[in-house]
């Protein structure tokens, strides 16, 4: 169901009130209604891609209640390799991530291996990161970025509020913007490089929720431009049997949402790293050729998180709401498989 007006996310007992999807972040999230602090899982992530230089980097800032997990990952499409650094902070004293996905906000994290800062002001998202000991795929050491992502005035985003059980005790509230114009500087081994003009873009994912003990999903994102310079993106996901969210499946095109139904992921030729992504209505079909992959697992007494992210190139087509069919070839994106035991 599409939501078109403001509505509270949760009732006084922490039960999801109005599930559905929306083109703007209409839900009002009150963290005090969401129950025990340790049960809440919250994270923000940004992915920035420079098609001119053939790389992406992703930053995740998460608060899982009993721990914060932070990471900086670099994907090299040319060398077909990836590298990552991550940090863990046990039992953070207070929540720092925003309750409103459209509000101005700022968060920071620092340890001996990285610093992360996200600052949102209006339509401007600034990302400041350092990873002085990260060894990149080309063998150099040290990565730093000062980048800015820009939302387009009035552009639609994909916003979802999804019940993860029959009663709505478990729920997910998310916002995705794809793509955003990117500009800024990166520093590799102290050498400065400007993000390629008109060839760089970013994705924001804002996630809040209470998940069941076991949850899992597979998700794909990709972005690019048409031959006449119109920005597009796709957000596609499919739950594993335990739990997941399918409301967010959509095409972003020229600042508007084109909603899709259920998505399936398959392995053509039984090749585990290759994927074909399609929907039931025949509106999207994408073949994925992998380039660089990262696998990690974080295991503590209270949780276990497994994540495999593969960056690569998408080719195929999608069809907009008005019936227009767009062919894409070698578009930059990624597929991520996640399995959690909270």
C-alpha atoms as a PDB file:
ATOM      1  CA  UNK A   1       0.000   0.000   0.000  1.00  0.00           C
ATOM      2  CA  UNK A   2       1.300   3.473  -0.886  1.00  0.00           C
ATOM      3  CA  UNK A   3       1.223   6.025   1.940  1.00  0.00           C
ATOM      4  CA  UNK A   4       0.598   9.618   0.840  1.00  0.00           C
ATOM      5  CA  UNK A   5       0.253  11.524   4.138  1.00  0.00           C
ATOM      6  CA  UNK A   6       2.098  11.775   7.444  1.00  0.00           C
ATOM      7  CA  UNK A   7       1.483   8.931   9.903  1.00  0.00           C
ATOM      8  CA  UNK A   8       2.997   7.603  13.154  1.00  0.00           C
ATOM      9  CA  UNK A   9       5.230   4.585  12.647  1.00  0.00           C
ATOM     10  CA  UNK A  10       4.502   2.829  15.982  1.00  0.00           C
ATOM     11  CA  UNK A  11       1.737   2.757  18.558  1.00  0.00           C
ATOM     12  CA  UNK A  12       2.381   3.104  22.298  1.00  0.00           C
ATOM     13  CA  UNK A  13       3.180  -0.631  22.547  1.00  0.00           C
ATOM     14  CA  UNK A  14       5.825  -0.483  19.822  1.00  0.00           C
ATOM     15  CA  UNK A  15       3.626  -2.174  17.194  1.00  0.00           C
ATOM     16  CA  UNK A  16       3.924  -1.056  13.560  1.00  0.00           C
ATOM     17  CA  UNK A  17       0.781   0.906  12.728  1.00  0.00           C
ATOM     18  CA  UNK A  18       0.830   1.679   9.004  1.00  0.00           C
ATOM     19  CA  UNK A  19       2.889  -0.666   6.819  1.00  0.00           C
ATOM     20  CA  UNK A  20       3.508   0.237   3.201  1.00  0.00           C
ATOM     21  CA  UNK A  21       5.729   2.342   0.988  1.00  0.00           C
ATOM     22  CA  UNK A  22       5.929   6.033   0.142  1.00  0.00           C
ATOM     23  CA  UNK A  23       7.676   8.444  -2.197  1.00  0.00           C
ATOM     24  CA  UNK A  24       8.684  10.657   0.714  1.00  0.00           C
ATOM     25  CA  UNK A  25       9.551   9.845   4.366  1.00  0.00           C
ATOM     26  CA  UNK A  26       6.081  10.400   5.814  1.00  0.00           C
ATOM     27  CA  UNK A  27       6.359   8.118   8.862  1.00  0.00           C
ATOM     28  CA  UNK A  28       7.067   9.673  12.253  1.00  0.00           C
ATOM     29  CA  UNK A  29       9.535   7.443  14.121  1.00  0.00           C
ATOM     30  CA  UNK A  30       9.576   7.884  17.905  1.00  0.00           C
ATOM     31  CA  UNK A  31      12.388   5.783  19.330  1.00  0.00           C
ATOM     32  CA  UNK A  32      10.889   5.887  22.832  1.00  0.00           C
ATOM     33  CA  UNK A  33       7.967   3.781  21.580  1.00  0.00           C
ATOM     34  CA  UNK A  34      10.204   1.124  20.042  1.00  0.00           C
ATOM     35  CA  UNK A  35      10.904  -0.920  23.160  1.00  0.00           C
ATOM     36  CA  UNK A  36      14.168  -2.093  24.685  1.00  0.00           C
ATOM     37  CA  UNK A  37      17.250  -0.270  23.485  1.00  0.00           C
ATOM     38  CA  UNK A  38      19.174  -3.469  22.815  1.00  0.00           C
ATOM     39  CA  UNK A  39      16.404  -4.710  20.516  1.00  0.00           C
ATOM     40  CA  UNK A  40      16.694  -1.774  18.118  1.00  0.00           C
ATOM     41  CA  UNK A  41      18.958  -2.047  15.084  1.00  0.00           C
ATOM     42  CA  UNK A  42      19.859   1.159  13.273  1.00  0.00           C
ATOM     43  CA  UNK A  43      22.329   2.034  10.562  1.00  0.00           C
ATOM     44  CA  UNK A  44      23.205   4.558   7.865  1.00  0.00           C
ATOM     45  CA  UNK A  45      25.334   3.725   4.857  1.00  0.00           C
ATOM     46  CA  UNK A  46      26.677   5.559   1.834  1.00  0.00           C
ATOM     47  CA  UNK A  47      28.171   4.134  -1.339  1.00  0.00           C
ATOM     48  CA  UNK A  48      30.064   6.390  -3.738  1.00  0.00           C
ATOM     49  CA  UNK A  49      31.091   5.256  -7.219  1.00  0.00           C
ATOM     50  CA  UNK A  50      33.529   6.915  -9.604  1.00  0.00           C
ATOM     51  CA  UNK A  51      32.878   5.373 -13.006  1.00  0.00           C
ATOM     52  CA  UNK A  52      35.695   7.377 -14.556  1.00  0.00           C
ATOM     53  CA  UNK A  53      38.311   5.741 -12.323  1.00  0.00           C
ATOM     54  CA  UNK A  54      36.536   2.408 -11.890  1.00  0.00           C
ATOM     55  CA  UNK A  55      36.035   2.148  -8.133  1.00  0.00           C
ATOM     56  CA  UNK A  56      33.435   2.365  -5.367  1.00  0.00           C
ATOM     57  CA  UNK A  57      33.734   2.843  -1.633  1.00  0.00           C
ATOM     58  CA  UNK A  58      31.102   2.177   1.020  1.00  0.00           C
ATOM     59  CA  UNK A  59      30.841   3.438   4.591  1.00  0.00           C
ATOM     60  CA  UNK A  60      28.543   1.901   7.206  1.00  0.00           C
ATOM     61  CA  UNK A  61      27.739   3.414  10.602  1.00  0.00           C
ATOM     62  CA  UNK A  62      25.562   1.100  12.695  1.00  0.00           C
ATOM     63  CA  UNK A  63      24.127   0.963  16.203  1.00  0.00           C
ATOM     64  CA  UNK A  64      22.830  -2.490  17.135  1.00  0.00           C
ATOM     65  CA  UNK A  65      21.969  -1.611  20.719  1.00  0.00           C
ATOM     66  CA  UNK A  66      24.655  -3.637  22.457  1.00  0.00           C
ATOM     67  CA  UNK A  67      27.359  -2.693  19.954  1.00  0.00           C
ATOM     68  CA  UNK A  68      28.218  -0.284  17.203  1.00  0.00           C
ATOM     69  CA  UNK A  69      29.786  -1.683  14.028  1.00  0.00           C
ATOM     70  CA  UNK A  70      31.570   0.587  11.560  1.00  0.00           C
ATOM     71  CA  UNK A  71      33.264  -0.144   8.259  1.00  0.00           C
ATOM     72  CA  UNK A  72      34.971   1.389   5.242  1.00  0.00           C
ATOM     73  CA  UNK A  73      35.218  -0.813   2.130  1.00  0.00           C
ATOM     74  CA  UNK A  74      36.910  -0.124  -1.209  1.00  0.00           C
ATOM     75  CA  UNK A  75      36.001  -1.975  -4.432  1.00  0.00           C
ATOM     76  CA  UNK A  76      38.343  -1.816  -7.437  1.00  0.00           C
ATOM     77  CA  UNK A  77      36.505  -2.789 -10.648  1.00  0.00           C
ATOM     78  CA  UNK A  78      39.662  -2.659 -12.746  1.00  0.00           C
ATOM     79  CA  UNK A  79      41.835  -4.907 -10.578  1.00  0.00           C
ATOM     80  CA  UNK A  80      38.795  -6.942  -9.494  1.00  0.00           C
ATOM     81  CA  UNK A  81      39.758  -6.785  -5.833  1.00  0.00           C
ATOM     82  CA  UNK A  82      38.362  -5.275  -2.653  1.00  0.00           C
ATOM     83  CA  UNK A  83      39.609  -4.357   0.819  1.00  0.00           C
ATOM     84  CA  UNK A  84      37.969  -3.299   4.065  1.00  0.00           C
ATOM     85  CA  UNK A  85      38.569  -2.073   7.585  1.00  0.00           C
ATOM     86  CA  UNK A  86      35.991  -2.254  10.363  1.00  0.00           C
ATOM     87  CA  UNK A  87      35.624  -1.367  14.026  1.00  0.00           C
ATOM     88  CA  UNK A  88      33.383  -2.384  16.932  1.00  0.00           C
ATOM     89  CA  UNK A  89      32.256  -0.333  19.920  1.00  0.00           C
ATOM     90  CA  UNK A  90      30.579  -2.337  22.676  1.00  0.00           C
ATOM     91  CA  UNK A  91      27.564  -0.944  24.520  1.00  0.00           C
ATOM     92  CA  UNK A  92      27.423   2.626  23.182  1.00  0.00           C
ATOM     93  CA  UNK A  93      26.207   5.003  25.885  1.00  0.00           C
ATOM     94  CA  UNK A  94      23.580   6.721  23.757  1.00  0.00           C
ATOM     95  CA  UNK A  95      21.875   6.594  20.386  1.00  0.00           C
ATOM     96  CA  UNK A  96      23.422   9.008  17.895  1.00  0.00           C
ATOM     97  CA  UNK A  97      21.706   8.183  14.597  1.00  0.00           C
ATOM     98  CA  UNK A  98      18.705  10.306  13.603  1.00  0.00           C
ATOM     99  CA  UNK A  99      15.050   9.384  14.096  1.00  0.00           C
ATOM    100  CA  UNK A 100      14.024  11.346  10.978  1.00  0.00           C
ATOM    101  CA  UNK A 101      15.513  10.281   7.617  1.00  0.00           C
ATOM    102  CA  UNK A 102      14.981  13.760   6.194  1.00  0.00           C
ATOM    103  CA  UNK A 103      16.328  15.818   9.106  1.00  0.00           C
ATOM    104  CA  UNK A 104      19.664  17.560   9.483  1.00  0.00           C
ATOM    105  CA  UNK A 105      22.021  15.398  11.503  1.00  0.00           C
ATOM    106  CA  UNK A 106      25.643  14.613  12.286  1.00  0.00           C
ATOM    107  CA  UNK A 107      27.410  11.498  13.580  1.00  0.00           C
ATOM    108  CA  UNK A 108      31.070  10.684  14.115  1.00  0.00           C
ATOM    109  CA  UNK A 109      33.168   7.665  14.991  1.00  0.00           C
ATOM    110  CA  UNK A 110      36.899   7.274  15.516  1.00  0.00           C
ATOM    111  CA  UNK A 111      39.344   4.559  16.533  1.00  0.00           C
ATOM    112  CA  UNK A 112      42.977   3.786  15.751  1.00  0.00           C
ATOM    113  CA  UNK A 113      42.171   2.436  12.298  1.00  0.00           C
ATOM    114  CA  UNK A 114      39.498   4.821  10.959  1.00  0.00           C
ATOM    115  CA  UNK A 115      37.435   7.951  11.358  1.00  0.00           C
ATOM    116  CA  UNK A 116      33.907   8.436   9.994  1.00  0.00           C
ATOM    117  CA  UNK A 117      31.734  11.546   9.910  1.00  0.00           C
ATOM    118  CA  UNK A 118      28.321  11.936   8.251  1.00  0.00           C
ATOM    119  CA  UNK A 119      26.867  15.452   8.191  1.00  0.00           C
ATOM    120  CA  UNK A 120      23.461  16.125   6.589  1.00  0.00           C
ATOM    121  CA  UNK A 121      22.275  19.692   6.039  1.00  0.00           C
ATOM    122  CA  UNK A 122      19.236  20.166   3.857  1.00  0.00           C
ATOM    123  CA  UNK A 123      19.830  18.406   0.534  1.00  0.00           C
ATOM    124  CA  UNK A 124      23.591  18.131   1.130  1.00  0.00           C
ATOM    125  CA  UNK A 125      25.229  15.004   2.594  1.00  0.00           C
ATOM    126  CA  UNK A 126      28.907  15.361   3.496  1.00  0.00           C
ATOM    127  CA  UNK A 127      31.029  12.265   4.082  1.00  0.00           C
ATOM    128  CA  UNK A 128      34.451  12.570   5.731  1.00  0.00           C
ATOM    129  CA  UNK A 129      36.487   9.410   6.280  1.00  0.00           C
ATOM    130  CA  UNK A 130      40.051   8.315   6.933  1.00  0.00           C
ATOM    131  CA  UNK A 131      41.544   4.820   6.929  1.00  0.00           C
ATOM    132  CA  UNK A 132      45.320   5.371   7.222  1.00  0.00           C
ATOM    133  CA  UNK A 133      46.243   1.672   7.415  1.00  0.00           C
ATOM    134  CA  UNK A 134      43.842   0.297   4.812  1.00  0.00           C
ATOM    135  CA  UNK A 135      45.757  -1.546   2.085  1.00  0.00           C
ATOM    136  CA  UNK A 136      44.038  -0.906  -1.237  1.00  0.00           C
ATOM    137  CA  UNK A 137      43.864  -3.351  -4.157  1.00  0.00           C
ATOM    138  CA  UNK A 138      46.695  -1.572  -5.992  1.00  0.00           C
ATOM    139  CA  UNK A 139      49.023  -2.245  -3.030  1.00  0.00           C
ATOM    140  CA  UNK A 140      49.089   1.323  -1.713  1.00  0.00           C
ATOM    141  CA  UNK A 141      48.269   2.089   1.922  1.00  0.00           C
ATOM    142  CA  UNK A 142      46.020   4.791   3.253  1.00  0.00           C
ATOM    143  CA  UNK A 143      42.639   6.077   2.084  1.00  0.00           C
ATOM    144  CA  UNK A 144      40.846   9.327   2.836  1.00  0.00           C
ATOM    145  CA  UNK A 145      37.769  10.948   1.329  1.00  0.00           C
ATOM    146  CA  UNK A 146      36.017  14.303   1.587  1.00  0.00           C
ATOM    147  CA  UNK A 147      32.913  13.899  -0.552  1.00  0.00           C
ATOM    148  CA  UNK A 148      29.518  15.567  -0.875  1.00  0.00           C
ATOM    149  CA  UNK A 149      26.322  13.983  -2.179  1.00  0.00           C
ATOM    150  CA  UNK A 150      23.395  16.110  -3.318  1.00  0.00           C
ATOM    151  CA  UNK A 151      19.699  15.251  -3.293  1.00  0.00           C
ATOM    152  CA  UNK A 152      17.671  16.839  -6.082  1.00  0.00           C
ATOM    153  CA  UNK A 153      15.018  19.280  -4.911  1.00  0.00           C
ATOM    154  CA  UNK A 154      11.623  17.552  -4.900  1.00  0.00           C
ATOM    155  CA  UNK A 155      12.992  14.175  -6.022  1.00  0.00           C
ATOM    156  CA  UNK A 156      11.224  11.064  -4.794  1.00  0.00           C
ATOM    157  CA  UNK A 157      12.938   8.440  -2.648  1.00  0.00           C
ATOM    158  CA  UNK A 158      11.957   4.896  -1.695  1.00  0.00           C
ATOM    159  CA  UNK A 159      10.574   4.802   1.850  1.00  0.00           C
ATOM    160  CA  UNK A 160       9.207   1.620   3.401  1.00  0.00           C
ATOM    161  CA  UNK A 161       7.627   0.521   6.669  1.00  0.00           C
ATOM    162  CA  UNK A 162       7.384  -3.262   6.733  1.00  0.00           C
ATOM    163  CA  UNK A 163       5.978  -5.687   9.304  1.00  0.00           C
ATOM    164  CA  UNK A 164       8.358  -8.607   9.820  1.00  0.00           C
ATOM    165  CA  UNK A 165       5.830 -10.784  11.656  1.00  0.00           C
ATOM    166  CA  UNK A 166       2.051 -11.135  11.700  1.00  0.00           C
ATOM    167  CA  UNK A 167       1.544  -8.840  14.685  1.00  0.00           C
ATOM    168  CA  UNK A 168       3.915  -6.033  13.695  1.00  0.00           C
ATOM    169  CA  UNK A 169       6.060  -6.476  16.813  1.00  0.00           C
ATOM    170  CA  UNK A 170       9.028  -6.781  14.483  1.00  0.00           C
ATOM    171  CA  UNK A 171       9.320  -4.115  11.834  1.00  0.00           C
ATOM    172  CA  UNK A 172      11.627  -2.208   9.518  1.00  0.00           C
ATOM    173  CA  UNK A 173      11.597   1.449   8.473  1.00  0.00           C
ATOM    174  CA  UNK A 174      13.963   2.448   5.679  1.00  0.00           C
ATOM    175  CA  UNK A 175      14.764   5.156   3.160  1.00  0.00           C
ATOM    176  CA  UNK A 176      16.861   4.839   0.005  1.00  0.00           C
ATOM    177  CA  UNK A 177      18.047   7.546  -2.360  1.00  0.00           C
ATOM    178  CA  UNK A 178      19.655   6.375  -5.619  1.00  0.00           C
ATOM    179  CA  UNK A 179      21.496   8.031  -7.251  1.00  0.00           C
ATOM    180  CA  UNK A 180      22.775  11.332  -5.901  1.00  0.00           C
ATOM    181  CA  UNK A 181      25.284  13.578  -7.620  1.00  0.00           C
ATOM    182  CA  UNK A 182      28.731  13.191  -6.044  1.00  0.00           C
ATOM    183  CA  UNK A 183      31.736  15.463  -5.932  1.00  0.00           C
ATOM    184  CA  UNK A 184      34.812  15.819  -3.764  1.00  0.00           C
ATOM    185  CA  UNK A 185      38.315  14.552  -3.232  1.00  0.00           C
ATOM    186  CA  UNK A 186      39.859  11.230  -2.332  1.00  0.00           C
ATOM    187  CA  UNK A 187      43.409  10.649  -1.132  1.00  0.00           C
ATOM    188  CA  UNK A 188      45.244   7.398  -1.827  1.00  0.00           C
ATOM    189  CA  UNK A 189      48.634   7.079  -0.170  1.00  0.00           C
ATOM    190  CA  UNK A 190      48.487  10.876   0.391  1.00  0.00           C
ATOM    191  CA  UNK A 191      47.981  11.574  -3.332  1.00  0.00           C
ATOM    192  CA  UNK A 192      44.875  13.638  -4.103  1.00  0.00           C
ATOM    193  CA  UNK A 193      42.338  12.713  -6.786  1.00  0.00           C
ATOM    194  CA  UNK A 194      39.116  14.549  -7.622  1.00  0.00           C
ATOM    195  CA  UNK A 195      36.024  12.425  -8.119  1.00  0.00           C
ATOM    196  CA  UNK A 196      35.355  12.340 -11.852  1.00  0.00           C
ATOM    197  CA  UNK A 197      32.933  15.115 -12.821  1.00  0.00           C
ATOM    198  CA  UNK A 198      29.609  13.849 -14.215  1.00  0.00           C
ATOM    199  CA  UNK A 199      30.810  10.258 -13.747  1.00  0.00           C
ATOM    200  CA  UNK A 200      30.447   9.956  -9.972  1.00  0.00           C
ATOM    201  CA  UNK A 201      27.298   9.193  -8.007  1.00  0.00           C
ATOM    202  CA  UNK A 202      26.210   8.008  -4.587  1.00  0.00           C
ATOM    203  CA  UNK A 203      23.560   5.981  -2.789  1.00  0.00           C
ATOM    204  CA  UNK A 204      22.185   6.520   0.720  1.00  0.00           C
ATOM    205  CA  UNK A 205      20.530   3.783   2.790  1.00  0.00           C
ATOM    206  CA  UNK A 206      18.867   4.720   6.093  1.00  0.00           C
ATOM    207  CA  UNK A 207      17.635   1.721   8.106  1.00  0.00           C
ATOM    208  CA  UNK A 208      15.842   1.426  11.462  1.00  0.00           C
ATOM    209  CA  UNK A 209      13.961  -1.501  12.974  1.00  0.00           C
ATOM    210  CA  UNK A 210      13.364  -4.433  15.274  1.00  0.00           C
ATOM    211  CA  UNK A 211      14.160  -7.672  13.504  1.00  0.00           C
ATOM    212  CA  UNK A 212      13.352 -11.253  14.590  1.00  0.00           C
ATOM    213  CA  UNK A 213      16.135 -13.351  16.089  1.00  0.00           C
ATOM    214  CA  UNK A 214      16.970 -14.640  12.612  1.00  0.00           C
ATOM    215  CA  UNK A 215      16.774 -12.485   9.509  1.00  0.00           C
ATOM    216  CA  UNK A 216      18.292 -12.470   6.072  1.00  0.00           C
ATOM    217  CA  UNK A 217      17.990 -10.998   2.611  1.00  0.00           C
ATOM    218  CA  UNK A 218      19.723 -10.554  -0.723  1.00  0.00           C
ATOM    219  CA  UNK A 219      19.736  -7.102  -2.270  1.00  0.00           C
ATOM    220  CA  UNK A 220      20.995  -5.447  -5.438  1.00  0.00           C
ATOM    221  CA  UNK A 221      21.641  -1.803  -6.261  1.00  0.00           C
ATOM    222  CA  UNK A 222      22.879  -0.186  -9.458  1.00  0.00           C
ATOM    223  CA  UNK A 223      23.038   3.339 -10.876  1.00  0.00           C
ATOM    224  CA  UNK A 224      23.927   5.173 -14.034  1.00  0.00           C
ATOM    225  CA  UNK A 225      22.835   7.566 -16.748  1.00  0.00           C
ATOM    226  CA  UNK A 226      20.968   7.130 -20.019  1.00  0.00           C
ATOM    227  CA  UNK A 227      22.613   8.161 -23.286  1.00  0.00           C
ATOM    228  CA  UNK A 228      20.900  11.556 -22.960  1.00  0.00           C
ATOM    229  CA  UNK A 229      22.112  12.122 -19.405  1.00  0.00           C
ATOM    230  CA  UNK A 230      19.088  11.140 -17.281  1.00  0.00           C
ATOM    231  CA  UNK A 231      20.027   9.618 -13.918  1.00  0.00           C
ATOM    232  CA  UNK A 232      18.579   6.226 -12.987  1.00  0.00           C
ATOM    233  CA  UNK A 233      18.975   3.634 -10.250  1.00  0.00           C
ATOM    234  CA  UNK A 234      17.476   0.356  -9.099  1.00  0.00           C
ATOM    235  CA  UNK A 235      16.844  -1.047  -5.634  1.00  0.00           C
ATOM    236  CA  UNK A 236      15.982  -4.761  -5.631  1.00  0.00           C
ATOM    237  CA  UNK A 237      15.677  -7.221  -2.748  1.00  0.00           C
ATOM    238  CA  UNK A 238      14.383 -10.647  -1.893  1.00  0.00           C
ATOM    239  CA  UNK A 239      14.030 -12.140   1.612  1.00  0.00           C
ATOM    240  CA  UNK A 240      15.543 -15.397   2.702  1.00  0.00           C
ATOM    241  CA  UNK A 241      12.980 -17.736   4.283  1.00  0.00           C
ATOM    242  CA  UNK A 242      13.423 -16.267   7.743  1.00  0.00           C
ATOM    243  CA  UNK A 243      12.615 -12.619   7.102  1.00  0.00           C
ATOM    244  CA  UNK A 244      13.045  -9.740   4.708  1.00  0.00           C
ATOM    245  CA  UNK A 245      11.607  -6.728   2.915  1.00  0.00           C
ATOM    246  CA  UNK A 246      10.205  -6.668  -0.623  1.00  0.00           C
ATOM    247  CA  UNK A 247       8.370  -3.321  -0.460  1.00  0.00           C
ATOM    248  CA  UNK A 248      11.491  -1.415  -1.518  1.00  0.00           C
ATOM    249  CA  UNK A 249      11.786  -2.904  -5.030  1.00  0.00           C
ATOM    250  CA  UNK A 250      11.783  -0.032  -7.482  1.00  0.00           C
ATOM    251  CA  UNK A 251      13.341   1.833 -10.357  1.00  0.00           C
ATOM    252  CA  UNK A 252      14.523   5.412  -9.808  1.00  0.00           C
ATOM    253  CA  UNK A 253      14.331   7.445 -13.016  1.00  0.00           C
ATOM    254  CA  UNK A 254      14.738  11.195 -13.418  1.00  0.00           C
ATOM    255  CA  UNK A 255      13.809  11.819  -9.785  1.00  0.00           C
ATOM    256  CA  UNK A 256      10.714   9.610  -9.770  1.00  0.00           C
ATOM    257  CA  UNK A 257       9.874   6.167  -8.333  1.00  0.00           C
ATOM    258  CA  UNK A 258       8.621   3.340 -10.557  1.00  0.00           C
ATOM    259  CA  UNK A 259       7.403   0.619  -8.181  1.00  0.00           C
ATOM    260  CA  UNK A 260       8.137  -3.062  -8.831  1.00  0.00           C
ATOM    261  CA  UNK A 261       6.719  -6.226  -7.289  1.00  0.00           C
ATOM    262  CA  UNK A 262       8.547  -9.352  -6.118  1.00  0.00           C
ATOM    263  CA  UNK A 263      12.103  -9.945  -7.334  1.00  0.00           C
ATOM    264  CA  UNK A 264      13.971 -13.222  -7.790  1.00  0.00           C
ATOM    265  CA  UNK A 265      17.700 -13.900  -7.901  1.00  0.00           C
ATOM    266  CA  UNK A 266      19.092 -16.892  -9.779  1.00  0.00           C
ATOM    267  CA  UNK A 267      22.491 -18.268 -10.777  1.00  0.00           C
ATOM    268  CA  UNK A 268      22.686 -18.819 -14.555  1.00  0.00           C
ATOM    269  CA  UNK A 269      24.683 -21.910 -15.403  1.00  0.00           C
ATOM    270  CA  UNK A 270      24.893 -22.694 -11.661  1.00  0.00           C
ATOM    271  CA  UNK A 271      27.799 -20.250 -11.326  1.00  0.00           C
ATOM    272  CA  UNK A 272      27.599 -19.028  -7.688  1.00  0.00           C
ATOM    273  CA  UNK A 273      29.093 -15.586  -8.324  1.00  0.00           C
ATOM    274  CA  UNK A 274      26.945 -14.798 -11.385  1.00  0.00           C
ATOM    275  CA  UNK A 275      23.366 -13.633 -10.936  1.00  0.00           C
ATOM    276  CA  UNK A 276      20.308 -12.929 -12.989  1.00  0.00           C
ATOM    277  CA  UNK A 277      17.749 -10.623 -11.381  1.00  0.00           C
ATOM    278  CA  UNK A 278      14.161 -10.461 -12.647  1.00  0.00           C
ATOM    279  CA  UNK A 279      10.591  -9.727 -11.562  1.00  0.00           C
ATOM    280  CA  UNK A 280       7.289 -11.554 -12.049  1.00  0.00           C
ATOM    281  CA  UNK A 281       5.829  -8.993 -14.467  1.00  0.00           C
ATOM    282  CA  UNK A 282       8.751  -8.945 -16.900  1.00  0.00           C
ATOM    283  CA  UNK A 283       9.581  -5.305 -16.187  1.00  0.00           C
ATOM    284  CA  UNK A 284      13.210  -5.887 -15.255  1.00  0.00           C
ATOM    285  CA  UNK A 285      15.848  -8.408 -16.186  1.00  0.00           C
ATOM    286  CA  UNK A 286      19.486  -7.840 -15.311  1.00  0.00           C
ATOM    287  CA  UNK A 287      22.552 -10.055 -15.658  1.00  0.00           C
ATOM    288  CA  UNK A 288      25.287  -9.441 -13.104  1.00  0.00           C
ATOM    289  CA  UNK A 289      28.984  -9.991 -13.856  1.00  0.00           C
ATOM    290  CA  UNK A 290      31.020  -9.958 -10.605  1.00  0.00           C
ATOM    291  CA  UNK A 291      34.288  -8.075 -10.229  1.00  0.00           C
ATOM    292  CA  UNK A 292      35.311  -7.748  -6.562  1.00  0.00           C
ATOM    293  CA  UNK A 293      33.926  -9.402  -3.440  1.00  0.00           C
ATOM    294  CA  UNK A 294      34.169  -9.056   0.344  1.00  0.00           C
ATOM    295  CA  UNK A 295      32.994 -11.577   2.914  1.00  0.00           C
ATOM    296  CA  UNK A 296      32.947 -10.965   6.636  1.00  0.00           C
ATOM    297  CA  UNK A 297      31.432 -12.449   9.748  1.00  0.00           C
ATOM    298  CA  UNK A 298      31.147 -10.814  13.155  1.00  0.00           C
ATOM    299  CA  UNK A 299      30.364 -13.218  15.960  1.00  0.00           C
ATOM    300  CA  UNK A 300      29.730 -12.293  19.597  1.00  0.00           C
ATOM    301  CA  UNK A 301      27.766 -13.970  22.355  1.00  0.00           C
ATOM    302  CA  UNK A 302      24.687 -11.880  21.614  1.00  0.00           C
ATOM    303  CA  UNK A 303      24.851 -11.868  17.828  1.00  0.00           C
ATOM    304  CA  UNK A 304      26.240 -13.295  14.629  1.00  0.00           C
ATOM    305  CA  UNK A 305      26.293 -11.307  11.392  1.00  0.00           C
ATOM    306  CA  UNK A 306      27.370 -12.704   8.033  1.00  0.00           C
ATOM    307  CA  UNK A 307      27.659 -10.475   4.990  1.00  0.00           C
ATOM    308  CA  UNK A 308      28.919 -11.040   1.472  1.00  0.00           C
ATOM    309  CA  UNK A 309      29.066  -8.071  -0.865  1.00  0.00           C
ATOM    310  CA  UNK A 310      30.082  -8.343  -4.509  1.00  0.00           C
ATOM    311  CA  UNK A 311      30.657  -5.352  -6.765  1.00  0.00           C
ATOM    312  CA  UNK A 312      30.219  -5.807 -10.481  1.00  0.00           C
ATOM    313  CA  UNK A 313      28.481  -4.745 -13.672  1.00  0.00           C
ATOM    314  CA  UNK A 314      24.795  -5.070 -14.596  1.00  0.00           C
ATOM    315  CA  UNK A 315      23.453  -5.414 -18.133  1.00  0.00           C
ATOM    316  CA  UNK A 316      19.874  -5.898 -19.312  1.00  0.00           C
ATOM    317  CA  UNK A 317      16.714  -3.802 -19.353  1.00  0.00           C
ATOM    318  CA  UNK A 318      13.960  -2.290 -17.264  1.00  0.00           C
ATOM    319  CA  UNK A 319      10.548  -0.927 -18.172  1.00  0.00           C
ATOM    320  CA  UNK A 320       9.120   2.249 -16.644  1.00  0.00           C
ATOM    321  CA  UNK A 321       5.514   2.816 -15.568  1.00  0.00           C
ATOM    322  CA  UNK A 322       4.730   4.480 -18.910  1.00  0.00           C
ATOM    323  CA  UNK A 323       5.974   1.420 -20.837  1.00  0.00           C
ATOM    324  CA  UNK A 324       9.290   2.904 -21.909  1.00  0.00           C
ATOM    325  CA  UNK A 325      11.971   0.219 -22.120  1.00  0.00           C
ATOM    326  CA  UNK A 326      15.554   1.148 -21.316  1.00  0.00           C
ATOM    327  CA  UNK A 327      18.536  -1.016 -22.164  1.00  0.00           C
ATOM    328  CA  UNK A 328      21.548  -0.778 -19.865  1.00  0.00           C
ATOM    329  CA  UNK A 329      25.031  -2.160 -20.352  1.00  0.00           C
ATOM    330  CA  UNK A 330      27.869  -2.522 -17.838  1.00  0.00           C
ATOM    331  CA  UNK A 331      26.243  -0.380 -15.147  1.00  0.00           C
ATOM    332  CA  UNK A 332      28.101  -0.210 -11.837  1.00  0.00           C
ATOM    333  CA  UNK A 333      26.445  -1.815  -8.835  1.00  0.00           C
ATOM    334  CA  UNK A 334      26.575  -4.554  -6.219  1.00  0.00           C
ATOM    335  CA  UNK A 335      24.758  -7.553  -4.773  1.00  0.00           C
ATOM    336  CA  UNK A 336      24.806  -8.169  -1.015  1.00  0.00           C
ATOM    337  CA  UNK A 337      23.770 -11.295   0.885  1.00  0.00           C
ATOM    338  CA  UNK A 338      23.087 -10.796   4.592  1.00  0.00           C
ATOM    339  CA  UNK A 339      22.260 -13.292   7.339  1.00  0.00           C
ATOM    340  CA  UNK A 340      21.896 -12.160  10.930  1.00  0.00           C
ATOM    341  CA  UNK A 341      21.191 -13.723  14.290  1.00  0.00           C
ATOM    342  CA  UNK A 342      20.413 -10.834  16.576  1.00  0.00           C
END
